[in-house]
Amino acid sequence: MTRVPARHPGHCLRCFYDLLSAASPQKKKALAPLREWIEENLEIAISGCGGYDNGSLPIRLEEPDLESFCESAMARARDDSLSSAGNVLFEIRYKLEAA
């Protein structure tokens, strides 16, 4: 997988879950290298109102689908108290050291 400037890193995440949902149980193991690459190179940036950086969360692809992944990430952000603001913005981005 290459980083193409015209593509947002969130496309990698969506692609992974599209492949996961279409793969047979035997072929899901073949997605392990893609999963490892995403978990090593992408993160979830969290910003509060006004664009303030509230940190980031590592990406963990343990959920069965993209919706469950998003719900889990939101719960992790609440549990980790990364944002005291009521409204937060999540963004999938390349880790700064990977960019």
PDB file of N, CA and C in Angstrom:
ATOM      1  N   MET A   1       0.852  -1.161   0.000  1.00  0.00           N
ATOM      2  CA  MET A   1       0.000   0.000   0.000  1.00  0.00           C
ATOM      3  C   MET A   1       0.904   1.232   0.000  1.00  0.00           C
ATOM      4  N   THR A   2       0.584   2.174  -0.823  1.00  0.00           N
ATOM      5  CA  THR A   2       1.369   3.395  -0.876  1.00  0.00           C
ATOM      6  C   THR A   2       0.520   4.569  -0.439  1.00  0.00           C
ATOM      7  N   ARG A   3       1.199   5.602   0.003  1.00  0.00           N
ATOM      8  CA  ARG A   3       0.499   6.814   0.393  1.00  0.00           C
ATOM      9  C   ARG A   3       0.408   7.724  -0.821  1.00  0.00           C
ATOM     10  N   VAL A   4      -0.777   7.895  -1.331  1.00  0.00           N
ATOM     11  CA  VAL A   4      -1.020   8.766  -2.473  1.00  0.00           C
ATOM     12  C   VAL A   4      -1.611  10.059  -1.931  1.00  0.00           C
ATOM     13  N   PRO A   5      -1.017  11.210  -2.261  1.00  0.00           N
ATOM     14  CA  PRO A   5      -1.492  12.468  -1.673  1.00  0.00           C
ATOM     15  C   PRO A   5      -2.983  12.731  -1.875  1.00  0.00           C
ATOM     16  N   ALA A   6      -3.559  12.256  -2.975  1.00  0.00           N
ATOM     17  CA  ALA A   6      -4.963  12.516  -3.252  1.00  0.00           C
ATOM     18  C   ALA A   6      -5.884  11.672  -2.372  1.00  0.00           C
ATOM     19  N   ARG A   7      -5.359  10.678  -1.707  1.00  0.00           N
ATOM     20  CA  ARG A   7      -6.177   9.792  -0.881  1.00  0.00           C
ATOM     21  C   ARG A   7      -5.972  10.090   0.588  1.00  0.00           C
ATOM     22  N   HIS A   8      -7.036  10.131   1.302  1.00  0.00           N
ATOM     23  CA  HIS A   8      -6.987  10.346   2.739  1.00  0.00           C
ATOM     24  C   HIS A   8      -6.659   9.012   3.407  1.00  0.00           C
ATOM     25  N   PRO A   9      -5.874   8.998   4.488  1.00  0.00           N
ATOM     26  CA  PRO A   9      -5.537   7.738   5.141  1.00  0.00           C
ATOM     27  C   PRO A   9      -6.754   6.975   5.658  1.00  0.00           C
ATOM     28  N   GLY A  10      -7.870   7.660   5.843  1.00  0.00           N
ATOM     29  CA  GLY A  10      -9.099   6.968   6.236  1.00  0.00           C
ATOM     30  C   GLY A  10      -9.577   5.983   5.187  1.00  0.00           C
ATOM     31  N   HIS A  11      -9.172   6.191   3.939  1.00  0.00           N
ATOM     32  CA  HIS A  11      -9.533   5.245   2.878  1.00  0.00           C
ATOM     33  C   HIS A  11      -8.892   3.881   3.139  1.00  0.00           C
ATOM     34  N   CYS A  12      -7.689   3.872   3.712  1.00  0.00           N
ATOM     35  CA  CYS A  12      -7.027   2.605   4.047  1.00  0.00           C
ATOM     36  C   CYS A  12      -7.861   1.824   5.058  1.00  0.00           C
ATOM     37  N   LEU A  13      -8.381   2.546   6.017  1.00  0.00           N
ATOM     38  CA  LEU A  13      -9.204   1.925   7.052  1.00  0.00           C
ATOM     39  C   LEU A  13     -10.492   1.360   6.458  1.00  0.00           C
ATOM     40  N   ARG A  14     -11.143   2.145   5.617  1.00  0.00           N
ATOM     41  CA  ARG A  14     -12.370   1.672   4.981  1.00  0.00           C
ATOM     42  C   ARG A  14     -12.095   0.474   4.078  1.00  0.00           C
ATOM     43  N   CYS A  15     -10.990   0.530   3.347  1.00  0.00           N
ATOM     44  CA  CYS A  15     -10.603  -0.572   2.475  1.00  0.00           C
ATOM     45  C   CYS A  15     -10.393  -1.850   3.288  1.00  0.00           C
ATOM     46  N   PHE A  16      -9.710  -1.734   4.420  1.00  0.00           N
ATOM     47  CA  PHE A  16      -9.485  -2.903   5.267  1.00  0.00           C
ATOM     48  C   PHE A  16     -10.807  -3.541   5.675  1.00  0.00           C
ATOM     49  N   TYR A  17     -11.734  -2.727   6.142  1.00  0.00           N
ATOM     50  CA  TYR A  17     -13.012  -3.281   6.594  1.00  0.00           C
ATOM     51  C   TYR A  17     -13.854  -3.797   5.432  1.00  0.00           C
ATOM     52  N   ASP A  18     -13.745  -3.197   4.257  1.00  0.00           N
ATOM     53  CA  ASP A  18     -14.432  -3.740   3.079  1.00  0.00           C
ATOM     54  C   ASP A  18     -13.881  -5.117   2.730  1.00  0.00           C
ATOM     55  N   LEU A  19     -12.564  -5.250   2.744  1.00  0.00           N
ATOM     56  CA  LEU A  19     -11.940  -6.544   2.457  1.00  0.00           C
ATOM     57  C   LEU A  19     -12.291  -7.569   3.525  1.00  0.00           C
ATOM     58  N   LEU A  20     -12.288  -7.136   4.782  1.00  0.00           N
ATOM     59  CA  LEU A  20     -12.602  -8.039   5.885  1.00  0.00           C
ATOM     60  C   LEU A  20     -14.017  -8.590   5.765  1.00  0.00           C
ATOM     61  N   SER A  21     -14.960  -7.730   5.404  1.00  0.00           N
ATOM     62  CA  SER A  21     -16.349  -8.191   5.309  1.00  0.00           C
ATOM     63  C   SER A  21     -16.567  -9.119   4.115  1.00  0.00           C
ATOM     64  N   ALA A  22     -15.749  -8.986   3.077  1.00  0.00           N
ATOM     65  CA  ALA A  22     -15.913  -9.813   1.885  1.00  0.00           C
ATOM     66  C   ALA A  22     -15.113 -11.113   1.953  1.00  0.00           C
ATOM     67  N   ALA A  23     -14.159 -11.220   2.862  1.00  0.00           N
ATOM     68  CA  ALA A  23     -13.271 -12.380   2.922  1.00  0.00           C
ATOM     69  C   ALA A  23     -13.920 -13.557   3.636  1.00  0.00           C
ATOM     70  N   SER A  24     -13.606 -14.732   3.147  1.00  0.00           N
ATOM     71  CA  SER A  24     -14.036 -15.951   3.837  1.00  0.00           C
ATOM     72  C   SER A  24     -13.201 -16.085   5.112  1.00  0.00           C
ATOM     73  N   PRO A  25     -13.669 -16.877   6.066  1.00  0.00           N
ATOM     74  CA  PRO A  25     -12.899 -17.033   7.314  1.00  0.00           C
ATOM     75  C   PRO A  25     -11.450 -17.466   7.069  1.00  0.00           C
ATOM     76  N   GLN A  26     -11.237 -18.317   6.080  1.00  0.00           N
ATOM     77  CA  GLN A  26      -9.884 -18.782   5.786  1.00  0.00           C
ATOM     78  C   GLN A  26      -9.009 -17.661   5.215  1.00  0.00           C
ATOM     79  N   LYS A  27      -9.597 -16.764   4.450  1.00  0.00           N
ATOM     80  CA  LYS A  27      -8.823 -15.706   3.790  1.00  0.00           C
ATOM     81  C   LYS A  27      -8.623 -14.471   4.668  1.00  0.00           C
ATOM     82  N   LYS A  28      -9.328 -14.394   5.771  1.00  0.00           N
ATOM     83  CA  LYS A  28      -9.163 -13.233   6.666  1.00  0.00           C
ATOM     84  C   LYS A  28      -7.744 -13.170   7.226  1.00  0.00           C
ATOM     85  N   LYS A  29      -7.095 -14.321   7.367  1.00  0.00           N
ATOM     86  CA  LYS A  29      -5.717 -14.342   7.861  1.00  0.00           C
ATOM     87  C   LYS A  29      -4.776 -13.623   6.906  1.00  0.00           C
ATOM     88  N   ALA A  30      -5.114 -13.614   5.631  1.00  0.00           N
ATOM     89  CA  ALA A  30      -4.269 -12.951   4.631  1.00  0.00           C
ATOM     90  C   ALA A  30      -4.266 -11.431   4.797  1.00  0.00           C
ATOM     91  N   LEU A  31      -5.206 -10.899   5.552  1.00  0.00           N
ATOM     92  CA  LEU A  31      -5.270  -9.455   5.783  1.00  0.00           C
ATOM     93  C   LEU A  31      -4.352  -8.997   6.913  1.00  0.00           C
ATOM     94  N   ALA A  32      -3.676  -9.931   7.559  1.00  0.00           N
ATOM     95  CA  ALA A  32      -2.810  -9.579   8.695  1.00  0.00           C
ATOM     96  C   ALA A  32      -1.738  -8.543   8.335  1.00  0.00           C
ATOM     97  N   PRO A  33      -1.035  -8.658   7.205  1.00  0.00           N
ATOM     98  CA  PRO A  33      -0.028  -7.619   6.890  1.00  0.00           C
ATOM     99  C   PRO A  33      -0.645  -6.225   6.715  1.00  0.00           C
ATOM    100  N   LEU A  34      -1.808  -6.145   6.090  1.00  0.00           N
ATOM    101  CA  LEU A  34      -2.480  -4.858   5.935  1.00  0.00           C
ATOM    102  C   LEU A  34      -2.891  -4.313   7.292  1.00  0.00           C
ATOM    103  N   ARG A  35      -3.436  -5.168   8.139  1.00  0.00           N
ATOM    104  CA  ARG A  35      -3.827  -4.749   9.485  1.00  0.00           C
ATOM    105  C   ARG A  35      -2.621  -4.205  10.250  1.00  0.00           C
ATOM    106  N   GLU A  36      -1.502  -4.922  10.202  1.00  0.00           N
ATOM    107  CA  GLU A  36      -0.303  -4.479  10.901  1.00  0.00           C
ATOM    108  C   GLU A  36       0.180  -3.129  10.374  1.00  0.00           C
ATOM    109  N   TRP A  37       0.154  -2.952   9.043  1.00  0.00           N
ATOM    110  CA  TRP A  37       0.608  -1.692   8.457  1.00  0.00           C
ATOM    111  C   TRP A  37      -0.269  -0.540   8.940  1.00  0.00           C
ATOM    112  N   ILE A  38      -1.574  -0.725   8.921  1.00  0.00           N
ATOM    113  CA  ILE A  38      -2.500   0.334   9.359  1.00  0.00           C
ATOM    114  C   ILE A  38      -2.263   0.664  10.825  1.00  0.00           C
ATOM    115  N   GLU A  39      -2.172  -0.354  11.674  1.00  0.00           N
ATOM    116  CA  GLU A  39      -1.979  -0.119  13.106  1.00  0.00           C
ATOM    117  C   GLU A  39      -0.631   0.544  13.405  1.00  0.00           C
ATOM    118  N   GLU A  40       0.375   0.279  12.600  1.00  0.00           N
ATOM    119  CA  GLU A  40       1.697   0.870  12.814  1.00  0.00           C
ATOM    120  C   GLU A  40       1.821   2.287  12.259  1.00  0.00           C
ATOM    121  N   ASN A  41       1.054   2.630  11.223  1.00  0.00           N
ATOM    122  CA  ASN A  41       1.273   3.887  10.510  1.00  0.00           C
ATOM    123  C   ASN A  41       0.163   4.918  10.637  1.00  0.00           C
ATOM    124  N   LEU A  42      -1.007   4.525  11.129  1.00  0.00           N
ATOM    125  CA  LEU A  42      -2.113   5.465  11.246  1.00  0.00           C
ATOM    126  C   LEU A  42      -2.503   5.639  12.709  1.00  0.00           C
ATOM    127  N   GLU A  43      -3.151   6.769  13.002  1.00  0.00           N
ATOM    128  CA  GLU A  43      -3.658   7.042  14.334  1.00  0.00           C
ATOM    129  C   GLU A  43      -4.914   7.893  14.211  1.00  0.00           C
ATOM    130  N   ILE A  44      -5.604   8.037  15.320  1.00  0.00           N
ATOM    131  CA  ILE A  44      -6.794   8.874  15.369  1.00  0.00           C
ATOM    132  C   ILE A  44      -6.421  10.154  16.106  1.00  0.00           C
ATOM    133  N   ALA A  45      -6.436  11.277  15.401  1.00  0.00           N
ATOM    134  CA  ALA A  45      -6.176  12.575  16.017  1.00  0.00           C
ATOM    135  C   ALA A  45      -7.481  13.089  16.594  1.00  0.00           C
ATOM    136  N   ILE A  46      -7.418  13.666  17.775  1.00  0.00           N
ATOM    137  CA  ILE A  46      -8.608  14.181  18.449  1.00  0.00           C
ATOM    138  C   ILE A  46      -8.431  15.672  18.680  1.00  0.00           C
ATOM    139  N   SER A  47      -9.387  16.454  18.186  1.00  0.00           N
ATOM    140  CA  SER A  47      -9.357  17.909  18.350  1.00  0.00           C
ATOM    141  C   SER A  47     -10.642  18.358  19.016  1.00  0.00           C
ATOM    142  N   GLY A  48     -10.524  19.341  19.876  1.00  0.00           N
ATOM    143  CA  GLY A  48     -11.692  19.927  20.517  1.00  0.00           C
ATOM    144  C   GLY A  48     -12.201  21.108  19.717  1.00  0.00           C
ATOM    145  N   CYS A  49     -13.194  21.753  20.233  1.00  0.00           N
ATOM    146  CA  CYS A  49     -13.725  22.957  19.593  1.00  0.00           C
ATOM    147  C   CYS A  49     -12.616  23.992  19.465  1.00  0.00           C
ATOM    148  N   GLY A  50     -12.594  24.688  18.377  1.00  0.00           N
ATOM    149  CA  GLY A  50     -11.564  25.685  18.149  1.00  0.00           C
ATOM    150  C   GLY A  50     -10.279  25.106  17.600  1.00  0.00           C
ATOM    151  N   GLY A  51     -10.282  23.807  17.287  1.00  0.00           N
ATOM    152  CA  GLY A  51      -9.113  23.184  16.689  1.00  0.00           C
ATOM    153  C   GLY A  51      -8.007  22.815  17.655  1.00  0.00           C
ATOM    154  N   TYR A  52      -8.271  22.839  18.959  1.00  0.00           N
ATOM    155  CA  TYR A  52      -7.239  22.500  19.929  1.00  0.00           C
ATOM    156  C   TYR A  52      -6.915  21.019  19.863  1.00  0.00           C
ATOM    157  N   ASP A  53      -5.634  20.693  19.831  1.00  0.00           N
ATOM    158  CA  ASP A  53      -5.178  19.309  19.768  1.00  0.00           C
ATOM    159  C   ASP A  53      -5.367  18.666  21.132  1.00  0.00           C
ATOM    160  N   ASN A  54      -6.122  17.596  21.158  1.00  0.00           N
ATOM    161  CA  ASN A  54      -6.374  16.884  22.408  1.00  0.00           C
ATOM    162  C   ASN A  54      -5.692  15.532  22.426  1.00  0.00           C
ATOM    163  N   GLY A  55      -4.701  15.337  21.576  1.00  0.00           N
ATOM    164  CA  GLY A  55      -3.969  14.082  21.581  1.00  0.00           C
ATOM    165  C   GLY A  55      -4.392  13.153  20.472  1.00  0.00           C
ATOM    166  N   SER A  56      -4.014  11.901  20.640  1.00  0.00           N
ATOM    167  CA  SER A  56      -4.341  10.909  19.624  1.00  0.00           C
ATOM    168  C   SER A  56      -4.525   9.551  20.276  1.00  0.00           C
ATOM    169  N   LEU A  57      -5.154   8.679  19.539  1.00  0.00           N
ATOM    170  CA  LEU A  57      -5.365   7.299  19.958  1.00  0.00           C
ATOM    171  C   LEU A  57      -4.726   6.375  18.928  1.00  0.00           C
ATOM    172  N   PRO A  58      -4.142   5.289  19.381  1.00  0.00           N
ATOM    173  CA  PRO A  58      -3.653   4.316  18.405  1.00  0.00           C
ATOM    174  C   PRO A  58      -4.834   3.626  17.738  1.00  0.00           C
ATOM    175  N   ILE A  59      -4.621   3.201  16.520  1.00  0.00           N
ATOM    176  CA  ILE A  59      -5.665   2.446  15.822  1.00  0.00           C
ATOM    177  C   ILE A  59      -5.510   0.979  16.184  1.00  0.00           C
ATOM    178  N   ARG A  60      -6.611   0.394  16.612  1.00  0.00           N
ATOM    179  CA  ARG A  60      -6.673  -1.039  16.918  1.00  0.00           C
ATOM    180  C   ARG A  60      -7.800  -1.617  16.079  1.00  0.00           C
ATOM    181  N   LEU A  61      -7.459  -2.515  15.201  1.00  0.00           N
ATOM    182  CA  LEU A  61      -8.462  -3.086  14.289  1.00  0.00           C
ATOM    183  C   LEU A  61      -9.022  -4.390  14.843  1.00  0.00           C
ATOM    184  N   GLU A  62      -9.597  -4.307  16.021  1.00  0.00           N
ATOM    185  CA  GLU A  62     -10.156  -5.474  16.693  1.00  0.00           C
ATOM    186  C   GLU A  62     -11.644  -5.646  16.438  1.00  0.00           C
ATOM    187  N   GLU A  63     -12.277  -4.630  15.902  1.00  0.00           N
ATOM    188  CA  GLU A  63     -13.726  -4.657  15.700  1.00  0.00           C
ATOM    189  C   GLU A  63     -14.064  -5.331  14.368  1.00  0.00           C
ATOM    190  N   PRO A  64     -15.272  -5.903  14.260  1.00  0.00           N
ATOM    191  CA  PRO A  64     -15.641  -6.637  13.041  1.00  0.00           C
ATOM    192  C   PRO A  64     -16.026  -5.761  11.851  1.00  0.00           C
ATOM    193  N   ASP A  65     -16.332  -4.471  12.101  1.00  0.00           N
ATOM    194  CA  ASP A  65     -16.739  -3.598  10.997  1.00  0.00           C
ATOM    195  C   ASP A  65     -16.388  -2.155  11.337  1.00  0.00           C
ATOM    196  N   LEU A  66     -16.487  -1.295  10.327  1.00  0.00           N
ATOM    197  CA  LEU A  66     -16.078   0.100  10.490  1.00  0.00           C
ATOM    198  C   LEU A  66     -16.942   0.838  11.510  1.00  0.00           C
ATOM    199  N   GLU A  67     -18.234   0.587  11.515  1.00  0.00           N
ATOM    200  CA  GLU A  67     -19.105   1.261  12.481  1.00  0.00           C
ATOM    201  C   GLU A  67     -18.723   0.893  13.907  1.00  0.00           C
ATOM    202  N   SER A  68     -18.479  -0.376  14.158  1.00  0.00           N
ATOM    203  CA  SER A  68     -18.066  -0.807  15.495  1.00  0.00           C
ATOM    204  C   SER A  68     -16.717  -0.218  15.864  1.00  0.00           C
ATOM    205  N   PHE A  69     -15.817  -0.113  14.887  1.00  0.00           N
ATOM    206  CA  PHE A  69     -14.516   0.514  15.122  1.00  0.00           C
ATOM    207  C   PHE A  69     -14.704   1.956  15.592  1.00  0.00           C
ATOM    208  N   CYS A  70     -15.558   2.707  14.903  1.00  0.00           N
ATOM    209  CA  CYS A  70     -15.792   4.108  15.253  1.00  0.00           C
ATOM    210  C   CYS A  70     -16.416   4.237  16.642  1.00  0.00           C
ATOM    211  N   GLU A  71     -17.383   3.399  16.942  1.00  0.00           N
ATOM    212  CA  GLU A  71     -18.013   3.439  18.270  1.00  0.00           C
ATOM    213  C   GLU A  71     -16.995   3.116  19.359  1.00  0.00           C
ATOM    214  N   SER A  72     -16.135   2.139  19.102  1.00  0.00           N
ATOM    215  CA  SER A  72     -15.106   1.772  20.065  1.00  0.00           C
ATOM    216  C   SER A  72     -14.120   2.915  20.270  1.00  0.00           C
ATOM    217  N   ALA A  73     -13.733   3.582  19.179  1.00  0.00           N
ATOM    218  CA  ALA A  73     -12.801   4.712  19.289  1.00  0.00           C
ATOM    219  C   ALA A  73     -13.415   5.847  20.100  1.00  0.00           C
ATOM    220  N   MET A  74     -14.686   6.114  19.888  1.00  0.00           N
ATOM    221  CA  MET A  74     -15.352   7.168  20.661  1.00  0.00           C
ATOM    222  C   MET A  74     -15.400   6.799  22.141  1.00  0.00           C
ATOM    223  N   ALA A  75     -15.685   5.553  22.445  1.00  0.00           N
ATOM    224  CA  ALA A  75     -15.710   5.114  23.841  1.00  0.00           C
ATOM    225  C   ALA A  75     -14.322   5.209  24.468  1.00  0.00           C
ATOM    226  N   ARG A  76     -13.285   4.826  23.711  1.00  0.00           N
ATOM    227  CA  ARG A  76     -11.914   4.927  24.218  1.00  0.00           C
ATOM    228  C   ARG A  76     -11.550   6.372  24.507  1.00  0.00           C
ATOM    229  N   ALA A  77     -11.963   7.287  23.651  1.00  0.00           N
ATOM    230  CA  ALA A  77     -11.661   8.713  23.860  1.00  0.00           C
ATOM    231  C   ALA A  77     -12.339   9.210  25.140  1.00  0.00           C
ATOM    232  N   ARG A  78     -13.583   8.794  25.361  1.00  0.00           N
ATOM    233  CA  ARG A  78     -14.281   9.189  26.596  1.00  0.00           C
ATOM    234  C   ARG A  78     -13.594   8.580  27.815  1.00  0.00           C
ATOM    235  N   ASP A  79     -13.248   7.291  27.722  1.00  0.00           N
ATOM    236  CA  ASP A  79     -12.617   6.602  28.851  1.00  0.00           C
ATOM    237  C   ASP A  79     -11.246   7.173  29.184  1.00  0.00           C
ATOM    238  N   ASP A  80     -10.503   7.544  28.160  1.00  0.00           N
ATOM    239  CA  ASP A  80      -9.156   8.083  28.370  1.00  0.00           C
ATOM    240  C   ASP A  80      -9.181   9.559  28.727  1.00  0.00           C
ATOM    241  N   SER A  81     -10.369  10.160  28.733  1.00  0.00           N
ATOM    242  CA  SER A  81     -10.521  11.588  29.042  1.00  0.00           C
ATOM    243  C   SER A  81      -9.604  12.457  28.196  1.00  0.00           C
ATOM    244  N   LEU A  82      -9.489  12.105  26.906  1.00  0.00           N
ATOM    245  CA  LEU A  82      -8.636  12.894  26.021  1.00  0.00           C
ATOM    246  C   LEU A  82      -9.272  14.225  25.672  1.00  0.00           C
ATOM    247  N   SER A  83     -10.566  14.329  25.897  1.00  0.00           N
ATOM    248  CA  SER A  83     -11.204  15.598  25.602  1.00  0.00           C
ATOM    249  C   SER A  83     -12.200  15.934  26.682  1.00  0.00           C
ATOM    250  N   SER A  84     -12.051  17.131  27.206  1.00  0.00           N
ATOM    251  CA  SER A  84     -13.030  17.598  28.181  1.00  0.00           C
ATOM    252  C   SER A  84     -14.128  18.399  27.486  1.00  0.00           C
ATOM    253  N   ALA A  85     -13.943  18.647  26.186  1.00  0.00           N
ATOM    254  CA  ALA A  85     -14.937  19.406  25.423  1.00  0.00           C
ATOM    255  C   ALA A  85     -16.117  18.505  25.092  1.00  0.00           C
ATOM    256  N   GLY A  86     -17.259  19.113  24.914  1.00  0.00           N
ATOM    257  CA  GLY A  86     -18.442  18.349  24.547  1.00  0.00           C
ATOM    258  C   GLY A  86     -18.387  17.852  23.113  1.00  0.00           C
ATOM    259  N   ASN A  87     -17.843  18.657  22.224  1.00  0.00           N
ATOM    260  CA  ASN A  87     -17.741  18.287  20.820  1.00  0.00           C
ATOM    261  C   ASN A  87     -16.288  18.048  20.460  1.00  0.00           C
ATOM    262  N   VAL A  88     -16.038  16.928  19.819  1.00  0.00           N
ATOM    263  CA  VAL A  88     -14.679  16.618  19.394  1.00  0.00           C
ATOM    264  C   VAL A  88     -14.688  16.203  17.932  1.00  0.00           C
ATOM    265  N   LEU A  89     -13.555  16.359  17.302  1.00  0.00           N
ATOM    266  CA  LEU A  89     -13.367  15.971  15.917  1.00  0.00           C
ATOM    267  C   LEU A  89     -12.341  14.857  15.876  1.00  0.00           C
ATOM    268  N   PHE A  90     -12.698  13.749  15.256  1.00  0.00           N
ATOM    269  CA  PHE A  90     -11.779  12.641  15.055  1.00  0.00           C
ATOM    270  C   PHE A  90     -11.275  12.713  13.624  1.00  0.00           C
ATOM    271  N   GLU A  91      -9.996  12.479  13.445  1.00  0.00           N
ATOM    272  CA  GLU A  91      -9.429  12.433  12.104  1.00  0.00           C
ATOM    273  C   GLU A  91      -8.424  11.293  12.029  1.00  0.00           C
ATOM    274  N   ILE A  92      -8.562  10.468  11.011  1.00  0.00           N
ATOM    275  CA  ILE A  92      -7.574   9.425  10.761  1.00  0.00           C
ATOM    276  C   ILE A  92      -6.415  10.118  10.055  1.00  0.00           C
ATOM    277  N   ARG A  93      -5.213   9.934  10.587  1.00  0.00           N
ATOM    278  CA  ARG A  93      -4.034  10.556   9.973  1.00  0.00           C
ATOM    279  C   ARG A  93      -2.850   9.605  10.062  1.00  0.00           C
ATOM    280  N   TYR A  94      -1.834   9.914   9.248  1.00  0.00           N
ATOM    281  CA  TYR A  94      -0.581   9.201   9.359  1.00  0.00           C
ATOM    282  C   TYR A  94       0.073   9.640  10.660  1.00  0.00           C
ATOM    283  N   LYS A  95       0.695   8.701  11.362  1.00  0.00           N
ATOM    284  CA  LYS A  95       1.438   9.067  12.555  1.00  0.00           C
ATOM    285  C   LYS A  95       2.525  10.037  12.149  1.00  0.00           C
ATOM    286  N   LEU A  96       2.815  10.977  13.007  1.00  0.00           N
ATOM    287  CA  LEU A  96       3.776  12.021  12.674  1.00  0.00           C
ATOM    288  C   LEU A  96       5.139  11.416  12.312  1.00  0.00           C
ATOM    289  N   GLU A  97       5.559  10.362  13.014  1.00  0.00           N
ATOM    290  CA  GLU A  97       6.858   9.761  12.693  1.00  0.00           C
ATOM    291  C   GLU A  97       6.801   8.953  11.393  1.00  0.00           C
ATOM    292  N   ALA A  98       5.587   8.598  10.923  1.00  0.00           N
ATOM    293  CA  ALA A  98       5.452   7.833   9.679  1.00  0.00           C
ATOM    294  C   ALA A  98       5.264   8.765   8.478  1.00  0.00           C
ATOM    295  N   ALA A  99       4.904  10.024   8.723  1.00  0.00           N
ATOM    296  CA  ALA A  99       4.613  10.947   7.636  1.00  0.00           C
ATOM    297  C   ALA A  99       5.840  11.375   6.872  1.00  0.00           C
TER     298      ALA A  99
END
